[in-house]
PDB file of N, CA and C in Angstrom:
ATOM      1  N   GLY A   1     -95.027 135.638-139.215  1.00  0.00           N
ATOM      2  CA  GLY A   1     -95.710 135.685-140.394  1.00  0.00           C
ATOM      3  C   GLY A   1     -95.372 134.808-141.535  1.00  0.00           C
ATOM      4  N   GLY A   2     -94.229 134.091-141.569  1.00  0.00           N
ATOM      5  CA  GLY A   2     -93.877 133.305-142.740  1.00  0.00           C
ATOM      6  C   GLY A   2     -94.594 131.970-142.838  1.00  0.00           C
ATOM      7  N   ALA A   3     -94.841 131.345-141.715  1.00  0.00           N
ATOM      8  CA  ALA A   3     -95.485 130.031-141.709  1.00  0.00           C
ATOM      9  C   ALA A   3     -96.761 130.082-140.884  1.00  0.00           C
ATOM     10  N   ASN A   4     -97.666 129.171-141.181  1.00  0.00           N
ATOM     11  CA  ASN A   4     -98.913 129.098-140.424  1.00  0.00           C
ATOM     12  C   ASN A   4     -98.701 128.483-139.045  1.00  0.00           C
ATOM     13  N   GLU A   5     -99.426 129.003-138.089  1.00  0.00           N
ATOM     14  CA  GLU A   5     -99.638 128.312-136.827  1.00  0.00           C
ATOM     15  C   GLU A   5    -100.850 127.422-137.077  1.00  0.00           C
ATOM     16  N   ASP A   6    -100.894 126.262-136.433  1.00  0.00           N
ATOM     17  CA  ASP A   6    -102.086 125.437-136.592  1.00  0.00           C
ATOM     18  C   ASP A   6    -102.671 125.098-135.233  1.00  0.00           C
ATOM     19  N   PHE A   7    -103.996 125.151-135.175  1.00  0.00           N
ATOM     20  CA  PHE A   7    -104.744 124.884-133.950  1.00  0.00           C
ATOM     21  C   PHE A   7    -105.824 123.869-134.291  1.00  0.00           C
ATOM     22  N   THR A   8    -105.725 122.677-133.712  1.00  0.00           N
ATOM     23  CA  THR A   8    -106.691 121.611-133.970  1.00  0.00           C
ATOM     24  C   THR A   8    -107.550 121.431-132.727  1.00  0.00           C
ATOM     25  N   PHE A   9    -108.865 121.327-132.928  1.00  0.00           N
ATOM     26  CA  PHE A   9    -109.825 121.262-131.829  1.00  0.00           C
ATOM     27  C   PHE A   9    -110.567 119.931-131.839  1.00  0.00           C
ATOM     28  N   VAL A  10    -110.767 119.366-130.637  1.00  0.00           N
ATOM     29  CA  VAL A  10    -111.551 118.148-130.440  1.00  0.00           C
ATOM     30  C   VAL A  10    -112.379 118.359-129.177  1.00  0.00           C
ATOM     31  N   THR A  11    -113.638 117.909-129.200  1.00  0.00           N
ATOM     32  CA  THR A  11    -114.483 118.003-128.015  1.00  0.00           C
ATOM     33  C   THR A  11    -114.633 116.620-127.392  1.00  0.00           C
ATOM     34  N   SER A  12    -115.240 116.577-126.227  1.00  0.00           N
ATOM     35  CA  SER A  12    -115.459 115.302-125.532  1.00  0.00           C
ATOM     36  C   SER A  12    -116.397 114.379-126.297  1.00  0.00           C
ATOM     37  N   ILE A  13    -117.137 114.914-127.275  1.00  0.00           N
ATOM     38  CA  ILE A  13    -118.032 114.057-128.062  1.00  0.00           C
ATOM     39  C   ILE A  13    -117.583 113.944-129.514  1.00  0.00           C
ATOM     40  N   GLY A  14    -116.362 114.379-129.811  1.00  0.00           N
ATOM     41  CA  GLY A  14    -115.839 114.211-131.162  1.00  0.00           C
ATOM     42  C   GLY A  14    -115.397 115.499-131.821  1.00  0.00           C
ATOM     43  N   ILE A  15    -115.387 115.450-133.151  1.00  0.00           N
ATOM     44  CA  ILE A  15    -114.859 116.537-133.963  1.00  0.00           C
ATOM     45  C   ILE A  15    -115.893 117.659-134.069  1.00  0.00           C
ATOM     46  N   PRO A  16    -115.511 118.892-133.702  1.00  0.00           N
ATOM     47  CA  PRO A  16    -116.456 120.010-133.785  1.00  0.00           C
ATOM     48  C   PRO A  16    -116.441 120.671-135.162  1.00  0.00           C
ATOM     49  N   SER A  17    -117.395 121.540-135.381  1.00  0.00           N
ATOM     50  CA  SER A  17    -117.423 122.413-136.552  1.00  0.00           C
ATOM     51  C   SER A  17    -116.792 123.743-136.161  1.00  0.00           C
ATOM     52  N   ILE A  18    -116.092 124.364-137.098  1.00  0.00           N
ATOM     53  CA  ILE A  18    -115.499 125.674-136.855  1.00  0.00           C
ATOM     54  C   ILE A  18    -116.073 126.644-137.878  1.00  0.00           C
ATOM     55  N   THR A  19    -116.589 127.762-137.399  1.00  0.00           N
ATOM     56  CA  THR A  19    -117.160 128.795-138.258  1.00  0.00           C
ATOM     57  C   THR A  19    -116.314 130.053-138.143  1.00  0.00           C
ATOM     58  N   ASP A  20    -115.928 130.612-139.277  1.00  0.00           N
ATOM     59  CA  ASP A  20    -115.159 131.857-139.311  1.00  0.00           C
ATOM     60  C   ASP A  20    -116.127 133.025-139.178  1.00  0.00           C
ATOM     61  N   LEU A  21    -116.009 133.786-138.101  1.00  0.00           N
ATOM     62  CA  LEU A  21    -116.864 134.948-137.867  1.00  0.00           C
ATOM     63  C   LEU A  21    -116.155 136.254-138.226  1.00  0.00           C
ATOM     64  N   GLY A  22    -114.991 136.133-138.828  1.00  0.00           N
ATOM     65  CA  GLY A  22    -114.186 137.295-139.212  1.00  0.00           C
ATOM     66  C   GLY A  22    -112.729 137.008-138.922  1.00  0.00           C
ATOM     67  N   SER A  23    -111.890 136.978-139.950  1.00  0.00           N
ATOM     68  CA  SER A  23    -110.488 136.646-139.725  1.00  0.00           C
ATOM     69  C   SER A  23    -109.604 137.301-140.776  1.00  0.00           C
ATOM     70  N   CYS A  24    -108.311 137.260-140.522  1.00  0.00           N
ATOM     71  CA  CYS A  24    -107.328 137.707-141.506  1.00  0.00           C
ATOM     72  C   CYS A  24    -106.176 136.709-141.506  1.00  0.00           C
ATOM     73  N   PHE A  25    -105.709 136.392-142.691  1.00  0.00           N
ATOM     74  CA  PHE A  25    -104.597 135.461-142.878  1.00  0.00           C
ATOM     75  C   PHE A  25    -104.860 134.116-142.191  1.00  0.00           C
ATOM     76  N   SER A  26    -106.115 133.660-142.230  1.00  0.00           N
ATOM     77  CA  SER A  26    -106.500 132.406-141.577  1.00  0.00           C
ATOM     78  C   SER A  26    -107.393 131.588-142.497  1.00  0.00           C
ATOM     79  N   THR A  27    -107.272 130.274-142.387  1.00  0.00           N
ATOM     80  CA  THR A  27    -108.161 129.365-143.107  1.00  0.00           C
ATOM     81  C   THR A  27    -108.575 128.244-142.160  1.00  0.00           C
ATOM     82  N   ILE A  28    -109.709 127.640-142.458  1.00  0.00           N
ATOM     83  CA  ILE A  28    -110.204 126.511-141.680  1.00  0.00           C
ATOM     84  C   ILE A  28    -110.152 125.284-142.574  1.00  0.00           C
ATOM     85  N   THR A  29    -109.551 124.222-142.054  1.00  0.00           N
ATOM     86  CA  THR A  29    -109.521 122.943-142.747  1.00  0.00           C
ATOM     87  C   THR A  29    -110.038 121.904-141.771  1.00  0.00           C
ATOM     88  N   GLY A  30    -111.292 121.474-141.947  1.00  0.00           N
ATOM     89  CA  GLY A  30    -111.891 120.519-141.023  1.00  0.00           C
ATOM     90  C   GLY A  30    -111.996 121.125-139.638  1.00  0.00           C
ATOM     91  N   ASN A  31    -111.356 120.489-138.658  1.00  0.00           N
ATOM     92  CA  ASN A  31    -111.375 120.980-137.280  1.00  0.00           C
ATOM     93  C   ASN A  31    -110.064 121.688-136.909  1.00  0.00           C
ATOM     94  N   THR A  32    -109.382 122.236-137.934  1.00  0.00           N
ATOM     95  CA  THR A  32    -108.105 122.918-137.722  1.00  0.00           C
ATOM     96  C   THR A  32    -108.154 124.336-138.275  1.00  0.00           C
ATOM     97  N   ILE A  33    -107.645 125.289-137.496  1.00  0.00           N
ATOM     98  CA  ILE A  33    -107.474 126.663-137.956  1.00  0.00           C
ATOM     99  C   ILE A  33    -106.002 126.855-138.278  1.00  0.00           C
ATOM    100  N   LEU A  34    -105.715 127.315-139.491  1.00  0.00           N
ATOM    101  CA  LEU A  34    -104.356 127.652-139.917  1.00  0.00           C
ATOM    102  C   LEU A  34    -104.305 129.173-140.004  1.00  0.00           C
ATOM    103  N   SER A  35    -103.299 129.788-139.390  1.00  0.00           N
ATOM    104  CA  SER A  35    -103.295 131.244-139.324  1.00  0.00           C
ATOM    105  C   SER A  35    -101.880 131.810-139.328  1.00  0.00           C
ATOM    106  N   GLY A  36    -101.695 132.896-140.051  1.00  0.00           N
ATOM    107  CA  GLY A  36    -100.454 133.656-139.965  1.00  0.00           C
ATOM    108  C   GLY A  36     -99.615 133.732-141.207  1.00  0.00           C
ATOM    109  N   ALA A  37     -99.663 132.736-142.089  1.00  0.00           N
ATOM    110  CA  ALA A  37     -98.789 132.751-143.269  1.00  0.00           C
ATOM    111  C   ALA A  37     -99.084 133.983-144.117  1.00  0.00           C
ATOM    112  N   GLY A  38     -98.036 134.715-144.446  1.00  0.00           N
ATOM    113  CA  GLY A  38     -98.172 135.892-145.289  1.00  0.00           C
ATOM    114  C   GLY A  38     -98.526 137.169-144.553  1.00  0.00           C
ATOM    115  N   ALA A  39     -98.714 137.094-143.252  1.00  0.00           N
ATOM    116  CA  ALA A  39     -99.161 138.263-142.488  1.00  0.00           C
ATOM    117  C   ALA A  39     -98.032 139.190-142.076  1.00  0.00           C
ATOM    118  N   GLY A  40     -96.802 138.771-142.221  1.00  0.00           N
ATOM    119  CA  GLY A  40     -95.699 139.589-141.736  1.00  0.00           C
ATOM    120  C   GLY A  40     -95.633 139.542-140.223  1.00  0.00           C
ATOM    121  N   SER A  41     -95.080 140.581-139.617  1.00  0.00           N
ATOM    122  CA  SER A  41     -94.870 140.573-138.167  1.00  0.00           C
ATOM    123  C   SER A  41     -96.159 140.731-137.370  1.00  0.00           C
ATOM    124  N   SER A  42     -97.238 141.178-138.012  1.00  0.00           N
ATOM    125  CA  SER A  42     -98.486 141.372-137.277  1.00  0.00           C
ATOM    126  C   SER A  42     -99.232 140.071-137.016  1.00  0.00           C
ATOM    127  N   GLY A  43     -98.920 139.009-137.761  1.00  0.00           N
ATOM    128  CA  GLY A  43     -99.573 137.726-137.552  1.00  0.00           C
ATOM    129  C   GLY A  43    -100.993 137.700-138.084  1.00  0.00           C
ATOM    130  N   GLY A  44    -101.607 136.556-137.979  1.00  0.00           N
ATOM    131  CA  GLY A  44    -102.989 136.392-138.411  1.00  0.00           C
ATOM    132  C   GLY A  44    -103.877 136.207-137.205  1.00  0.00           C
ATOM    133  N   GLY A  45    -105.137 135.985-137.461  1.00  0.00           N
ATOM    134  CA  GLY A  45    -106.037 135.746-136.346  1.00  0.00           C
ATOM    135  C   GLY A  45    -107.474 135.833-136.770  1.00  0.00           C
ATOM    136  N   GLY A  46    -108.353 135.777-135.806  1.00  0.00           N
ATOM    137  CA  GLY A  46    -109.760 135.871-136.136  1.00  0.00           C
ATOM    138  C   GLY A  46    -110.662 135.576-134.967  1.00  0.00           C
ATOM    139  N   HIS A  47    -111.951 135.602-135.280  1.00  0.00           N
ATOM    140  CA  HIS A  47    -113.023 135.313-134.328  1.00  0.00           C
ATOM    141  C   HIS A  47    -113.717 134.071-134.881  1.00  0.00           C
ATOM    142  N   PHE A  48    -113.667 132.974-134.138  1.00  0.00           N
ATOM    143  CA  PHE A  48    -114.168 131.697-134.623  1.00  0.00           C
ATOM    144  C   PHE A  48    -115.165 131.104-133.636  1.00  0.00           C
ATOM    145  N   ARG A  49    -116.184 130.442-134.162  1.00  0.00           N
ATOM    146  CA  ARG A  49    -117.137 129.709-133.318  1.00  0.00           C
ATOM    147  C   ARG A  49    -116.812 128.224-133.455  1.00  0.00           C
ATOM    148  N   ILE A  50    -116.631 127.574-132.310  1.00  0.00           N
ATOM    149  CA  ILE A  50    -116.371 126.135-132.282  1.00  0.00           C
ATOM    150  C   ILE A  50    -117.595 125.488-131.666  1.00  0.00           C
ATOM    151  N   SER A  51    -118.287 124.658-132.434  1.00  0.00           N
ATOM    152  CA  SER A  51    -119.554 124.098-131.968  1.00  0.00           C
ATOM    153  C   SER A  51    -119.675 122.633-132.359  1.00  0.00           C
ATOM    154  N   ASN A  52    -120.624 121.981-131.736  1.00  0.00           N
ATOM    155  CA  ASN A  52    -120.916 120.589-132.045  1.00  0.00           C
ATOM    156  C   ASN A  52    -122.430 120.436-132.044  1.00  0.00           C
ATOM    157  N   ASN A  53    -122.928 119.303-132.537  1.00  0.00           N
ATOM    158  CA  ASN A  53    -124.377 119.117-132.633  1.00  0.00           C
ATOM    159  C   ASN A  53    -125.004 118.704-131.307  1.00  0.00           C
ATOM    160  N   ALA A  54    -124.216 118.539-130.273  1.00  0.00           N
ATOM    161  CA  ALA A  54    -124.717 118.207-128.930  1.00  0.00           C
ATOM    162  C   ALA A  54    -123.779 118.852-127.910  1.00  0.00           C
ATOM    163  N   ALA A  55    -124.231 118.902-126.666  1.00  0.00           N
ATOM    164  CA  ALA A  55    -123.417 119.498-125.599  1.00  0.00           C
ATOM    165  C   ALA A  55    -122.136 118.692-125.391  1.00  0.00           C
ATOM    166  N   TYR A  56    -121.069 119.396-125.101  1.00  0.00           N
ATOM    167  CA  TYR A  56    -119.810 118.727-124.776  1.00  0.00           C
ATOM    168  C   TYR A  56    -119.250 119.303-123.486  1.00  0.00           C
ATOM    169  N   THR A  57    -118.426 118.500-122.804  1.00  0.00           N
ATOM    170  CA  THR A  57    -117.913 118.909-121.498  1.00  0.00           C
ATOM    171  C   THR A  57    -116.456 119.340-121.530  1.00  0.00           C
ATOM    172  N   SER A  58    -115.756 119.080-122.626  1.00  0.00           N
ATOM    173  CA  SER A  58    -114.375 119.544-122.714  1.00  0.00           C
ATOM    174  C   SER A  58    -114.038 119.902-124.153  1.00  0.00           C
ATOM    175  N   LEU A  59    -113.122 120.831-124.294  1.00  0.00           N
ATOM    176  CA  LEU A  59    -112.614 121.270-125.582  1.00  0.00           C
ATOM    177  C   LEU A  59    -111.100 121.225-125.489  1.00  0.00           C
ATOM    178  N   THR A  60    -110.473 120.451-126.368  1.00  0.00           N
ATOM    179  CA  THR A  60    -109.016 120.314-126.372  1.00  0.00           C
ATOM    180  C   THR A  60    -108.462 120.971-127.628  1.00  0.00           C
ATOM    181  N   MET A  61    -107.453 121.818-127.442  1.00  0.00           N
ATOM    182  CA  MET A  61    -106.779 122.466-128.549  1.00  0.00           C
ATOM    183  C   MET A  61    -105.340 121.977-128.579  1.00  0.00           C
ATOM    184  N   SER A  62    -104.859 121.600-129.743  1.00  0.00           N
ATOM    185  CA  SER A  62    -103.461 121.206-129.901  1.00  0.00           C
ATOM    186  C   SER A  62    -102.930 121.844-131.180  1.00  0.00           C
ATOM    187  N   GLY A  63    -101.620 121.860-131.319  1.00  0.00           N
ATOM    188  CA  GLY A  63    -101.018 122.419-132.523  1.00  0.00           C
ATOM    189  C   GLY A  63     -99.628 122.935-132.258  1.00  0.00           C
ATOM    190  N   ASN A  64     -99.029 123.486-133.312  1.00  0.00           N
ATOM    191  CA  ASN A  64     -97.636 123.922-133.201  1.00  0.00           C
ATOM    192  C   ASN A  64     -97.465 125.305-132.607  1.00  0.00           C
ATOM    193  N   GLY A  65     -98.541 126.090-132.528  1.00  0.00           N
ATOM    194  CA  GLY A  65     -98.402 127.439-131.970  1.00  0.00           C
ATOM    195  C   GLY A  65     -97.431 128.271-132.779  1.00  0.00           C
ATOM    196  N   GLY A  66     -97.024 129.368-132.233  1.00  0.00           N
ATOM    197  CA  GLY A  66     -96.092 130.253-132.921  1.00  0.00           C
ATOM    198  C   GLY A  66     -94.730 130.244-132.252  1.00  0.00           C
ATOM    199  N   THR A  67     -93.739 130.762-132.942  1.00  0.00           N
ATOM    200  CA  THR A  67     -92.387 130.778-132.381  1.00  0.00           C
ATOM    201  C   THR A  67     -92.293 131.659-131.141  1.00  0.00           C
ATOM    202  N   ASN A  68     -93.126 132.681-131.049  1.00  0.00           N
ATOM    203  CA  ASN A  68     -93.139 133.557-129.875  1.00  0.00           C
ATOM    204  C   ASN A  68     -94.395 133.359-129.038  1.00  0.00           C
ATOM    205  N   GLY A  69     -95.046 132.221-129.202  1.00  0.00           N
ATOM    206  CA  GLY A  69     -96.271 131.946-128.470  1.00  0.00           C
ATOM    207  C   GLY A  69     -97.497 132.365-129.261  1.00  0.00           C
ATOM    208  N   SER A  70     -98.631 132.037-128.747  1.00  0.00           N
ATOM    209  CA  SER A  70     -99.898 132.354-129.398  1.00  0.00           C
ATOM    210  C   SER A  70    -100.831 132.995-128.386  1.00  0.00           C
ATOM    211  N   LEU A  71    -101.696 133.846-128.861  1.00  0.00           N
ATOM    212  CA  LEU A  71    -102.686 134.497-128.011  1.00  0.00           C
ATOM    213  C   LEU A  71    -104.046 133.909-128.346  1.00  0.00           C
ATOM    214  N   VAL A  72    -104.710 133.338-127.341  1.00  0.00           N
ATOM    215  CA  VAL A  72    -106.024 132.730-127.527  1.00  0.00           C
ATOM    216  C   VAL A  72    -106.920 133.216-126.398  1.00  0.00           C
ATOM    217  N   SER A  73    -108.153 133.563-126.724  1.00  0.00           N
ATOM    218  CA  SER A  73    -109.111 133.926-125.690  1.00  0.00           C
ATOM    219  C   SER A  73    -110.422 133.214-125.953  1.00  0.00           C
ATOM    220  N   VAL A  74    -111.208 133.042-124.899  1.00  0.00           N
ATOM    221  CA  VAL A  74    -112.498 132.368-124.989  1.00  0.00           C
ATOM    222  C   VAL A  74    -113.560 133.306-124.452  1.00  0.00           C
ATOM    223  N   CYS A  75    -114.633 133.458-125.203  1.00  0.00           N
ATOM    224  CA  CYS A  75    -115.754 134.275-124.746  1.00  0.00           C
ATOM    225  C   CYS A  75    -116.573 133.434-123.772  1.00  0.00           C
ATOM    226  N   THR A  76    -116.454 133.720-122.501  1.00  0.00           N
ATOM    227  CA  THR A  76    -117.141 132.904-121.498  1.00  0.00           C
ATOM    228  C   THR A  76    -118.654 133.066-121.557  1.00  0.00           C
ATOM    229  N   LEU A  77    -119.148 134.146-122.155  1.00  0.00           N
ATOM    230  CA  LEU A  77    -120.593 134.320-122.293  1.00  0.00           C
ATOM    231  C   LEU A  77    -121.194 133.293-123.246  1.00  0.00           C
ATOM    232  N   SER A  78    -120.351 132.679-124.084  1.00  0.00           N
ATOM    233  CA  SER A  78    -120.855 131.703-125.046  1.00  0.00           C
ATOM    234  C   SER A  78    -120.917 130.288-124.462  1.00  0.00           C
ATOM    235  N   ILE A  79    -120.444 130.118-123.246  1.00  0.00           N
ATOM    236  CA  ILE A  79    -120.456 128.791-122.614  1.00  0.00           C
ATOM    237  C   ILE A  79    -121.751 128.645-121.829  1.00  0.00           C
ATOM    238  N   THR A  80    -122.532 127.635-122.185  1.00  0.00           N
ATOM    239  CA  THR A  80    -123.823 127.408-121.541  1.00  0.00           C
ATOM    240  C   THR A  80    -123.686 126.277-120.531  1.00  0.00           C
ATOM    241  N   PRO A  81    -123.989 126.524-119.265  1.00  0.00           N
ATOM    242  CA  PRO A  81    -123.875 125.455-118.265  1.00  0.00           C
ATOM    243  C   PRO A  81    -124.938 124.383-118.461  1.00  0.00           C
ATOM    244  N   VAL A  82    -124.621 123.194-118.031  1.00  0.00           N
ATOM    245  CA  VAL A  82    -125.567 122.085-118.077  1.00  0.00           C
ATOM    246  C   VAL A  82    -126.603 122.307-116.982  1.00  0.00           C
ATOM    247  N   PRO A  83    -127.901 122.106-117.276  1.00  0.00           N
ATOM    248  CA  PRO A  83    -128.922 122.290-116.239  1.00  0.00           C
ATOM    249  C   PRO A  83    -128.691 121.337-115.066  1.00  0.00           C
ATOM    250  N   MET A  84    -129.038 121.796-113.885  1.00  0.00           N
ATOM    251  CA  MET A  84    -128.890 120.971-112.686  1.00  0.00           C
ATOM    252  C   MET A  84    -129.909 119.829-112.718  1.00  0.00           C
ATOM    253  N   CYS A  85    -129.506 118.711-112.195  1.00  0.00           N
ATOM    254  CA  CYS A  85    -130.378 117.543-112.109  1.00  0.00           C
ATOM    255  C   CYS A  85    -131.060 117.542-110.744  1.00  0.00           C
ATOM    256  N   ASN A  86    -132.355 117.363-110.732  1.00  0.00           N
ATOM    257  CA  ASN A  86    -133.094 117.250-109.482  1.00  0.00           C
ATOM    258  C   ASN A  86    -133.369 115.756-109.272  1.00  0.00           C
ATOM    259  N   ALA A  87    -132.550 115.121-108.469  1.00  0.00           N
ATOM    260  CA  ALA A  87    -132.641 113.669-108.269  1.00  0.00           C
ATOM    261  C   ALA A  87    -133.993 113.239-107.703  1.00  0.00           C
ATOM    262  N   ASN A  88    -134.643 114.112-106.935  1.00  0.00           N
ATOM    263  CA  ASN A  88    -135.938 113.742-106.361  1.00  0.00           C
ATOM    264  C   ASN A  88    -137.005 113.563-107.425  1.00  0.00           C
ATOM    265  N   SER A  89    -136.926 114.325-108.520  1.00  0.00           N
ATOM    266  CA  SER A  89    -137.961 114.223-109.538  1.00  0.00           C
ATOM    267  C   SER A  89    -137.547 113.362-110.712  1.00  0.00           C
ATOM    268  N   ASN A  90    -136.217 113.114-110.891  1.00  0.00           N
ATOM    269  CA  ASN A  90    -135.757 112.383-112.054  1.00  0.00           C
ATOM    270  C   ASN A  90    -135.347 110.945-111.762  1.00  0.00           C
ATOM    271  N   ALA A  91    -135.030 110.660-110.524  1.00  0.00           N
ATOM    272  CA  ALA A  91    -134.530 109.320-110.188  1.00  0.00           C
ATOM    273  C   ALA A  91    -135.685 108.368-109.952  1.00  0.00           C
ATOM    274  N   PRO A  92    -135.528 107.111-110.330  1.00  0.00           N
ATOM    275  CA  PRO A  92    -136.586 106.137-110.050  1.00  0.00           C
ATOM    276  C   PRO A  92    -136.663 105.849-108.552  1.00  0.00           C
ATOM    277  N   SER A  93    -137.842 105.511-108.085  1.00  0.00           N
ATOM    278  CA  SER A  93    -137.979 105.185-106.652  1.00  0.00           C
ATOM    279  C   SER A  93    -137.548 103.741-106.418  1.00  0.00           C
ATOM    280  N   PHE A  94    -136.920 103.506-105.307  1.00  0.00           N
ATOM    281  CA  PHE A  94    -136.466 102.164-104.941  1.00  0.00           C
ATOM    282  C   PHE A  94    -137.313 101.675-103.771  1.00  0.00           C
ATOM    283  N   ASN A  95    -137.905 100.510-103.917  1.00  0.00           N
ATOM    284  CA  ASN A  95    -138.754  99.953-102.860  1.00  0.00           C
ATOM    285  C   ASN A  95    -138.123  98.730-102.259  1.00  0.00           C
TER     286      ASN A  95
END
């Protein structure tokens, strides 16, 4: 609880937006979540949406984490798969 953990996010297409959907002892600065300062032994945390203006294929998180580790989870229901490509209808014909 004395110092913030920091988590910085980057997607395969650049810097994402982060939206706070409910948090405690956390702030967002650009593409970084700072969490925990002042929370005591219970730590900080929250529910955050990480999005971009177009589809991305990877999400990278970096940062200092906590002295005893950090707990992070991802809502897999929020991940939308890329539609399958039908090469027969989308590919040009070769003669």
